[in-house]
Amino acid sequence: MAPIRIVDVTDRGAFERIPPCADPGFDHRTCDYWEDADRGSKAARLAWLETERPTVAPEPARAPSNPFLADLEASKGVNPFAASGGGGANPFAPDDSEGDANPFAPQRAARPTVDAGAPPKLRLLARGLGVVGSYAKVLLVDDIAVAYAQFGPLTAYPRAQRVRDLYAQLPDSPLPAVITCIATTATARREGHALRLVAVTCDDLAGRGFAAVEAYPQVGVPLDATSAATPAFWERAGFAMAAADERFPVMRRELV
C-alpha cells in the first residue's frame, strides 16, 4: 500500500502542493469564495499565483543648487541637535540599537507567519498561524497530493456565517469550527482519502479546543462545482443534519 501523509499548509512549499481542482475552471490556490461573502470567487486566477515583488520608490527629484548660497551654507555651524541629515546626531534622541524590549520581562516567541509577498490565498490561510494554527491540510499518497481540506474558526469565513444566519435553530454558543472545502482529485476518488482527511481535521480541531464543527454543502449542483461535498458524504464522516434545507443544509458533528 502506498504511504499516506497529511501536511498542514503553513508555508510556500506546502501551498505549492495543493492539488488541482477536478474542474480546471476552479483553483483552491486562488479561491476566496468563503472568505469574501460578497465578492468571493472559486475561479482560477493566475495573477494570484505570481510572487509579488516589493516596489522601490524613486528618489525625489532634487532642485538645482544655488551657486550664490554655497558660501552661506558653508559658513553655517553644524547643529548638534539636528537630524542626521544635518550633520550631527542628537544626543538626546533614543538610540535605536537599544530597542524597546524590557530585558527583565519574559520574551515572547516569534509567531509563525508568511512573508508579505506571498500569494493572496496563502496569506488568507496563514491568518491563524500565530493563534490557532493552519487553516488547510493536504493529503499525499506516495508523495502525490490527492486531497485538500480548508477549515478554521467560523469568524474566518463570512460566507459560512451568512449561511448560518439562515437558521435560528443552530446553537450560538460555543461557535463551531467549520470545514469549508473538502476535495479530491478526479483520479483519486472513491478511495476514502477525503473521509480520512476530514477525520484528521476533526481531531485537529478538537485539539484546538473546538466543541463542534460544521459543513455547508450545496445541494443540486455538479459535484465538481461544489467545495463542500454532499450531505451523504458528511453523514459518512460522522456528521448529522443540523438544519435541513433543499439547497443549503447544515451538517454538524460534535467533537469530544
Protein backbone atom coordinates (compact mmCIF):
# COMPACT_ATOMS: atom_id res chain seq x y z
CA MET A 1 0.00 0.00 0.00
CA ALA A 2 1.35 3.44 -0.94
CA PRO A 3 2.34 5.60 2.05
CA ILE A 4 -0.16 8.29 3.05
CA ARG A 5 0.89 11.55 4.65
CA ILE A 6 -1.06 14.66 5.67
CA VAL A 7 0.65 18.06 5.83
CA ASP A 8 -0.51 21.41 7.12
CA VAL A 9 -0.38 24.34 4.72
CA THR A 10 1.82 26.75 6.64
CA ASP A 11 4.37 27.91 4.06
CA ARG A 12 5.03 28.25 0.35
CA GLY A 13 6.29 24.70 -0.01
CA ALA A 14 3.08 23.18 1.34
CA PHE A 15 0.96 25.73 -0.51
CA GLU A 16 2.50 24.69 -3.82
CA ARG A 17 1.46 21.10 -3.12
CA ILE A 18 -2.25 21.91 -3.02
CA PRO A 19 -3.79 19.61 -5.67
CA PRO A 20 -5.71 20.92 -8.68
CA CYS A 21 -9.48 21.10 -8.68
CA ALA A 22 -11.37 18.45 -10.64
CA ASP A 23 -12.86 21.31 -12.65
CA PRO A 24 -9.95 23.26 -14.19
CA GLY A 25 -12.02 26.44 -14.11
CA PHE A 26 -11.61 26.50 -10.33
CA ASP A 27 -8.47 26.61 -8.22
CA HIS A 28 -8.05 26.02 -4.48
CA ARG A 29 -4.96 28.28 -4.56
CA THR A 30 -6.92 31.34 -5.70
CA CYS A 31 -10.36 30.71 -4.19
CA ASP A 32 -11.67 33.28 -1.72
CA TYR A 33 -15.32 32.22 -2.01
CA TRP A 34 -15.72 31.52 1.71
CA GLU A 35 -13.50 34.35 2.93
CA ASP A 36 -15.36 37.06 0.98
CA ALA A 37 -19.12 36.72 1.30
CA ASP A 38 -19.88 39.46 -1.24
CA ARG A 39 -17.26 39.19 -3.98
CA GLY A 40 -15.54 35.87 -3.31
CA SER A 41 -14.80 33.61 -6.26
CA LYS A 42 -13.77 30.00 -6.87
CA ALA A 43 -12.32 30.86 -10.28
CA ALA A 44 -8.75 30.11 -11.28
CA ARG A 45 -6.78 33.37 -11.29
CA LEU A 46 -3.21 33.00 -12.50
CA ALA A 47 -2.33 36.51 -11.33
CA TRP A 48 -2.89 35.38 -7.74
CA LEU A 49 -0.06 32.87 -8.06
CA GLU A 50 2.57 35.36 -9.12
CA THR A 51 5.09 36.35 -6.48
CA GLU A 52 4.70 39.97 -5.50
CA ARG A 53 7.93 41.91 -5.53
CA PRO A 54 8.37 44.94 -3.28
CA THR A 55 8.41 48.17 -5.23
CA VAL A 56 11.23 50.63 -4.71
CA ALA A 57 10.11 54.25 -4.54
CA PRO A 58 12.05 56.54 -6.89
CA GLU A 59 14.26 59.12 -5.27
CA PRO A 60 12.67 62.58 -5.19
CA ALA A 61 13.99 64.99 -7.77
CA ARG A 62 16.49 67.44 -6.34
CA ALA A 63 16.33 71.10 -7.12
CA PRO A 64 19.45 72.52 -8.78
CA SER A 65 21.87 74.03 -6.27
CA ASN A 66 22.11 77.81 -5.98
CA PRO A 67 25.75 78.85 -6.52
CA PHE A 68 25.15 82.08 -4.57
CA LEU A 69 24.14 80.16 -1.42
CA ALA A 70 27.16 77.84 -1.31
CA ASP A 71 29.30 80.19 0.77
CA LEU A 72 26.40 80.92 3.12
CA GLU A 73 25.74 77.23 3.71
CA ALA A 74 29.44 76.55 4.29
CA SER A 75 29.63 79.31 6.89
CA LYS A 76 26.85 77.84 9.00
CA GLY A 77 27.84 75.86 12.02
CA VAL A 78 26.73 72.30 12.49
CA ASN A 79 23.65 71.97 14.71
CA PRO A 80 24.33 69.12 17.17
CA PHE A 81 20.58 68.69 17.74
CA ALA A 82 19.68 68.40 14.06
CA ALA A 83 18.75 65.10 12.43
CA SER A 84 21.48 63.03 10.84
CA GLY A 85 20.86 64.74 7.52
CA GLY A 86 22.11 68.00 9.10
CA GLY A 87 25.45 66.56 10.08
CA GLY A 88 25.31 65.80 13.81
CA ALA A 89 23.45 63.23 15.82
CA ASN A 90 21.02 64.31 18.53
CA PRO A 91 22.49 63.12 21.85
CA PHE A 92 19.03 63.25 23.44
CA ALA A 93 17.33 61.09 20.80
CA PRO A 94 16.77 57.42 21.73
CA ASP A 95 19.34 55.01 20.43
CA ASP A 96 17.66 52.60 18.03
CA SER A 97 20.19 49.96 18.91
CA GLU A 98 18.90 49.83 22.48
CA GLY A 99 15.41 48.68 21.40
CA ASP A 100 12.19 48.96 23.39
CA ALA A 101 12.19 45.46 24.85
CA ASN A 102 12.25 45.12 28.63
CA PRO A 103 15.25 42.87 29.42
CA PHE A 104 13.54 41.72 32.65
CA ALA A 105 10.23 40.75 31.01
CA PRO A 106 9.64 37.27 29.52
CA GLN A 107 10.41 37.31 25.81
CA ARG A 108 7.56 36.32 23.50
CA ALA A 109 8.34 33.69 20.92
CA ALA A 110 8.04 34.96 17.36
CA ARG A 111 4.72 33.95 15.86
CA PRO A 112 4.85 31.97 12.63
CA THR A 113 3.78 33.89 9.57
CA VAL A 114 4.33 34.15 5.82
CA ASP A 115 6.08 36.97 4.02
CA ALA A 116 4.14 39.94 2.69
CA GLY A 117 4.86 38.95 -0.90
CA ALA A 118 3.22 35.52 -0.55
CA PRO A 119 0.26 34.69 -2.84
CA PRO A 120 -3.03 36.18 -1.56
CA LYS A 121 -4.57 32.78 -0.79
CA LEU A 122 -1.55 31.70 1.24
CA ARG A 123 -1.85 34.89 3.27
CA LEU A 124 -5.51 34.07 3.91
CA LEU A 125 -4.64 30.56 5.04
CA ALA A 126 -1.88 31.92 7.29
CA ARG A 127 -4.10 34.28 9.29
CA GLY A 128 -4.39 31.86 12.18
CA LEU A 129 -0.81 30.60 12.32
CA GLY A 130 0.10 32.60 15.39
CA VAL A 131 -3.16 31.82 17.21
CA VAL A 132 -4.82 28.50 16.36
CA GLY A 133 -2.66 27.05 13.60
CA SER A 134 -3.09 26.12 9.97
CA TYR A 135 -6.32 26.64 8.03
CA ALA A 136 -5.68 23.92 5.43
CA LYS A 137 -4.34 20.38 5.01
CA VAL A 138 -3.17 18.36 2.02
CA LEU A 139 -3.25 14.57 1.85
CA LEU A 140 -0.40 12.94 -0.05
CA VAL A 141 -0.36 9.40 -1.42
CA ASP A 142 3.12 8.25 -2.34
CA ASP A 143 4.09 11.93 -2.06
CA ILE A 144 1.45 12.99 -4.62
CA ALA A 145 -1.24 15.42 -3.43
CA VAL A 146 -4.71 13.94 -3.93
CA ALA A 147 -6.97 15.66 -1.39
CA TYR A 148 -7.37 19.09 0.17
CA ALA A 149 -9.31 20.48 3.14
CA GLN A 150 -9.86 24.08 4.23
CA PHE A 151 -11.15 24.79 7.72
CA GLY A 152 -10.86 27.08 10.71
CA PRO A 153 -12.91 29.21 13.08
CA LEU A 154 -16.27 30.47 11.89
CA THR A 155 -15.03 34.06 12.17
CA ALA A 156 -12.54 33.41 9.35
CA TYR A 157 -15.28 32.61 6.82
CA PRO A 158 -18.02 35.26 6.48
CA ARG A 159 -19.93 33.27 3.85
CA ALA A 160 -20.28 30.39 6.30
CA GLN A 161 -21.65 32.83 8.87
CA ARG A 162 -24.12 34.08 6.27
CA VAL A 163 -25.40 30.53 5.72
CA ARG A 164 -25.65 30.00 9.46
CA ASP A 165 -27.71 33.16 9.85
CA LEU A 166 -30.49 31.50 7.85
CA TYR A 167 -31.23 29.05 10.66
CA ALA A 168 -32.27 30.26 14.11
CA GLN A 169 -32.18 26.70 15.48
CA LEU A 170 -28.40 26.45 15.24
CA PRO A 171 -26.63 26.93 18.60
CA ASP A 172 -24.85 30.23 19.05
CA SER A 173 -22.53 29.09 21.81
CA PRO A 174 -19.99 27.77 21.60
CA LEU A 175 -19.42 28.76 17.99
CA PRO A 176 -18.25 25.84 15.85
CA ALA A 177 -15.23 25.43 13.70
CA VAL A 178 -16.06 24.95 10.04
CA ILE A 179 -14.78 22.83 7.17
CA THR A 180 -15.49 24.95 4.12
CA CYS A 181 -13.75 22.87 1.49
CA ILE A 182 -13.09 19.17 1.04
CA ALA A 183 -11.93 17.98 -2.36
CA THR A 184 -10.26 15.01 -4.01
CA THR A 185 -8.63 14.96 -7.41
CA ALA A 186 -10.70 13.27 -10.11
CA THR A 187 -8.31 10.33 -10.42
CA ALA A 188 -8.18 9.59 -6.68
CA ARG A 189 -11.86 9.47 -5.81
CA ARG A 190 -13.68 6.65 -4.06
CA GLU A 191 -10.59 5.57 -2.17
CA GLY A 192 -11.53 7.13 1.19
CA HIS A 193 -8.98 9.94 1.08
CA ALA A 194 -11.48 12.73 1.73
CA LEU A 195 -13.02 10.86 4.68
CA ARG A 196 -9.57 10.25 6.13
CA LEU A 197 -8.68 13.92 5.74
CA VAL A 198 -11.92 15.02 7.43
CA ALA A 199 -11.27 12.66 10.34
CA VAL A 200 -7.77 14.06 10.88
CA THR A 201 -9.07 17.62 10.57
CA CYS A 202 -11.78 16.99 13.18
CA ASP A 203 -9.20 15.54 15.58
CA ASP A 204 -7.03 18.61 15.00
CA LEU A 205 -9.92 20.99 15.65
CA ALA A 206 -10.85 19.13 18.84
CA GLY A 207 -7.25 19.53 19.99
CA ARG A 208 -7.54 23.27 19.39
CA GLY A 209 -10.48 23.44 21.80
CA PHE A 210 -13.45 23.49 19.44
CA ALA A 211 -16.56 21.67 20.69
CA ALA A 212 -18.20 21.18 17.29
CA VAL A 213 -17.53 21.50 13.58
CA GLU A 214 -19.97 22.32 10.78
CA ALA A 215 -20.01 21.99 6.99
CA TYR A 216 -22.27 23.65 4.43
CA PRO A 217 -22.83 21.53 1.32
CA GLN A 218 -24.77 22.92 -1.62
CA VAL A 219 -27.41 20.57 -2.99
CA GLY A 220 -28.34 20.36 -6.66
CA VAL A 221 -25.03 21.40 -8.26
CA PRO A 222 -22.48 19.24 -10.10
CA LEU A 223 -20.02 17.51 -7.78
CA ASP A 224 -17.07 19.34 -9.33
CA ALA A 225 -18.74 22.72 -8.78
CA THR A 226 -19.16 22.48 -5.01
CA SER A 227 -16.42 22.89 -2.43
CA ALA A 228 -18.30 21.22 0.40
CA ALA A 229 -19.27 17.76 -0.92
CA THR A 230 -22.77 16.39 -0.25
CA PRO A 231 -24.89 15.71 2.85
CA ALA A 232 -24.39 11.96 2.30
CA PHE A 233 -20.62 12.41 2.41
CA TRP A 234 -20.78 14.29 5.70
CA GLU A 235 -23.04 11.62 7.21
CA ARG A 236 -20.39 9.02 6.38
CA ALA A 237 -17.88 11.29 8.13
CA GLY A 238 -19.90 11.26 11.36
CA PHE A 239 -21.88 14.47 10.85
CA ALA A 240 -25.62 14.85 11.36
CA MET A 241 -28.13 17.13 9.69
CA ALA A 242 -28.39 20.20 11.95
CA ALA A 243 -30.57 22.29 9.62
CA ALA A 244 -32.42 20.73 6.71
CA ASP A 245 -32.82 22.69 3.50
CA GLU A 246 -33.36 21.85 -0.16
CA ARG A 247 -30.28 23.85 -1.22
CA PHE A 248 -28.14 24.84 1.77
CA PRO A 249 -28.36 22.31 4.60
CA VAL A 250 -26.04 22.49 7.60
CA MET A 251 -24.14 19.41 8.71
CA ARG A 252 -22.72 19.29 12.24
CA ARG A 253 -20.51 17.00 14.28
CA GLU A 254 -19.94 17.29 17.99
CA LEU A 255 -16.27 16.94 18.96
CA VAL A 256 -15.34 15.02 22.11
